[in-house]
Amino acid sequence: MPIIVNIDVMLAKRKMQSKVLADKIGVTVANLSILKTGKAKAVRFSTLEAICKALDCQPGDLLEYVQNLEPRK
C-alpha cells in the first residue's frame, strides 16, 4: 500500500512511548502496533484525531503517500 504511517517518527520527536500514547488515545498497545506497522486496513477519524491531539501534530505528520510503493505482505 502506498500509504506510510509515521507514528513512530512522531513518538520519537515527542519522546513518548507507545504505551503512553495508547493509554492517552484509548486503544490497546496491540492495536496501536497494527497502526504503526501499516498493517491496519483503515483508521477511524476519531482515532486519528486523538493521535494528533496527543502528539500535537497534523494528520500529514502521521501519514505519507508514496507512489509506486510495493505492497507489504
Protein backbone atom coordinates (compact mmCIF):
# COMPACT_ATOMS: atom_id res chain seq x y z
CA MET A 1 0.00 0.00 0.00
CA PRO A 2 1.40 3.40 -0.89
CA ILE A 3 0.45 4.94 2.49
CA ILE A 4 3.32 5.15 5.00
CA VAL A 5 2.44 5.53 8.69
CA ASN A 6 4.93 7.70 10.60
CA ILE A 7 3.58 7.36 14.13
CA ASP A 8 6.97 6.06 15.32
CA VAL A 9 8.64 9.21 13.99
CA MET A 10 6.25 11.46 15.92
CA LEU A 11 6.58 9.33 19.05
CA ALA A 12 10.34 9.76 18.89
CA LYS A 13 10.05 13.51 18.29
CA ARG A 14 7.73 13.84 21.29
CA LYS A 15 9.82 11.42 23.39
CA MET A 16 6.72 9.38 24.12
CA GLN A 17 6.42 5.61 24.47
CA SER A 18 3.79 3.64 22.57
CA LYS A 19 2.12 2.53 25.81
CA VAL A 20 1.68 6.14 26.91
CA LEU A 21 0.13 7.09 23.57
CA ALA A 22 -2.13 4.02 23.61
CA ASP A 23 -3.37 4.96 27.10
CA LYS A 24 -3.96 8.59 26.06
CA ILE A 25 -5.99 7.69 22.98
CA GLY A 26 -7.85 4.73 24.49
CA VAL A 27 -6.60 1.86 22.33
CA THR A 28 -4.64 -1.23 23.19
CA VAL A 29 -0.90 -1.35 22.60
CA ALA A 30 -1.57 -4.20 20.15
CA ASN A 31 -3.99 -2.08 18.10
CA LEU A 32 -1.56 0.85 18.13
CA SER A 33 1.14 -1.52 16.90
CA ILE A 34 -1.09 -2.55 13.98
CA LEU A 35 -1.48 1.11 13.08
CA LYS A 36 2.23 1.86 13.46
CA THR A 37 3.31 -1.01 11.23
CA GLY A 38 0.89 -0.03 8.48
CA LYS A 39 -0.99 -3.32 8.72
CA ALA A 40 -4.31 -1.63 9.51
CA LYS A 41 -6.81 -1.58 6.65
CA ALA A 42 -8.43 1.61 7.95
CA VAL A 43 -8.25 4.16 10.73
CA ARG A 44 -11.20 5.97 12.27
CA PHE A 45 -11.13 9.73 12.09
CA SER A 46 -11.79 9.82 15.84
CA THR A 47 -8.63 7.74 16.41
CA LEU A 48 -6.62 9.90 14.03
CA GLU A 49 -7.89 12.99 15.83
CA ALA A 50 -6.93 11.54 19.22
CA ILE A 51 -3.42 10.67 17.99
CA CYS A 52 -2.96 14.17 16.55
CA LYS A 53 -4.17 15.74 19.80
CA ALA A 54 -1.92 13.54 21.97
CA LEU A 55 1.16 14.12 19.78
CA ASP A 56 0.33 17.76 18.98
CA CYS A 57 0.65 17.20 15.24
CA GLN A 58 -1.27 17.20 11.97
CA PRO A 59 -2.55 14.12 10.09
CA GLY A 60 0.06 14.83 7.41
CA ASP A 61 2.77 14.35 10.04
CA LEU A 62 1.50 10.80 10.58
CA LEU A 63 0.50 9.68 7.10
CA GLU A 64 2.50 9.90 3.88
CA TYR A 65 1.60 8.88 0.34
CA VAL A 66 4.40 7.29 -1.69
CA GLN A 67 3.57 6.49 -5.30
CA ASN A 68 4.51 3.06 -6.69
CA LEU A 69 5.39 1.58 -3.32
CA GLU A 70 5.42 -2.22 -3.27
CA PRO A 71 2.63 -3.74 -1.14
CA ARG A 72 3.51 -5.21 2.26
CA LYS A 73 2.97 -8.91 2.80
